[in-house]
Structure formats: C-alpha cells, structure tokens
Protein backbone atom coordinates (compact mmCIF):
# COMPACT_ATOMS: atom_id res chain seq x y z
CA UNK A 1 0.11 0.11 -0.03
CA UNK A 2 1.32 3.62 -0.94
CA UNK A 3 1.62 6.12 1.07
CA UNK A 4 3.16 9.11 -1.06
CA UNK A 5 1.35 11.92 -2.83
CA UNK A 6 -1.43 10.66 -5.06
CA UNK A 7 -2.72 12.87 -8.54
CA UNK A 8 -6.14 13.44 -7.83
CA UNK A 9 -8.55 14.95 -10.32
CA UNK A 10 -9.62 18.45 -9.42
CA UNK A 11 -11.67 21.26 -11.46
CA UNK A 12 -13.75 20.07 -14.25
CA UNK A 13 -11.85 16.76 -14.61
CA UNK A 14 -13.47 15.93 -11.20
CA UNK A 15 -16.41 13.22 -11.68
CA UNK A 16 -18.71 15.08 -9.04
CA UNK A 17 -17.72 18.93 -10.37
CA UNK A 18 -21.04 20.97 -10.54
CA UNK A 19 -18.92 24.27 -11.87
CA UNK A 20 -16.74 25.06 -14.49
CA UNK A 21 -13.87 27.73 -14.74
CA UNK A 22 -15.92 29.67 -16.83
CA UNK A 23 -18.66 29.93 -14.31
CA UNK A 24 -16.63 30.39 -11.24
CA UNK A 25 -14.95 33.82 -12.98
CA UNK A 26 -18.55 34.75 -14.04
CA UNK A 27 -19.57 34.54 -10.19
CA UNK A 28 -16.72 36.22 -8.76
CA UNK A 29 -17.17 38.86 -11.61
CA UNK A 30 -21.13 39.28 -10.61
CA UNK A 31 -20.39 38.88 -7.12
CA UNK A 32 -20.40 42.66 -5.11
CA UNK A 33 -21.31 42.49 -1.21
CA UNK A 34 -24.59 43.75 0.22
CA UNK A 35 -25.35 44.75 -3.76
CA UNK A 36 -25.18 41.18 -5.59
CA UNK A 37 -25.30 38.36 -3.18
CA UNK A 38 -23.75 35.13 -3.71
CA UNK A 39 -27.33 33.53 -3.45
CA UNK A 40 -28.28 35.84 -6.83
CA UNK A 41 -25.20 34.91 -8.46
CA UNK A 42 -26.16 31.15 -7.90
CA UNK A 43 -29.71 31.94 -9.52
CA UNK A 44 -28.37 34.01 -12.48
CA UNK A 45 -25.74 31.24 -13.31
CA UNK A 46 -28.31 28.38 -12.34
CA UNK A 47 -25.71 26.39 -9.84
CA UNK A 48 -26.38 25.74 -6.39
CA UNK A 49 -25.98 27.99 -4.08
CA UNK A 50 -23.29 26.40 -1.48
CA UNK A 51 -21.17 25.63 -4.45
CA UNK A 52 -21.24 29.18 -5.78
CA UNK A 53 -20.48 31.03 -2.11
CA UNK A 54 -17.74 28.44 -1.75
CA UNK A 55 -16.08 29.54 -5.14
CA UNK A 56 -16.90 32.99 -4.55
CA UNK A 57 -14.97 32.77 -0.88
CA UNK A 58 -11.74 30.68 -2.75
CA UNK A 59 -12.93 27.78 -0.77
CA UNK A 60 -12.98 25.74 -3.75
CA UNK A 61 -11.49 26.47 -6.88
CA UNK A 62 -8.94 28.40 -5.39
CA UNK A 63 -6.67 27.90 -8.84
CA UNK A 64 -8.81 29.96 -10.88
CA UNK A 65 -8.11 33.34 -10.65
C-alpha cells in the first residue's frame, strides 16, 4: 500500500464537478457584497448556492483567478 502523494482529479475533471472555470470567473465577477449577493449570482448562473458561495470565497476553485 503506497502512502505517497496521489494525483487526484480537480476542477472540471473531477467526476462530481458542478461548476466550470468559466462559471467560477463569472460568479466572482458578478459578486458584490450587499449589492449582488452570492445567492443572486447562483440563481443567475443556475448553480447550487453552496457551490457558488464556496467558489466566490475561494474555499474551492482556488487555482482559478
């Protein structure tokens, strides 16, 4: 059994990916605190709120700038 680092799929190549890099960039561009909320961004781009919120706050998709 190996205990080294493993190359795990990330981003769009992950089998459970809901977002794409284009959508993440669009969410971050649209988001304005107290003006255009993460919930409104998620509704505009038809993605789940939690996924949008995590991407906007760089909790996920950190490598996309």
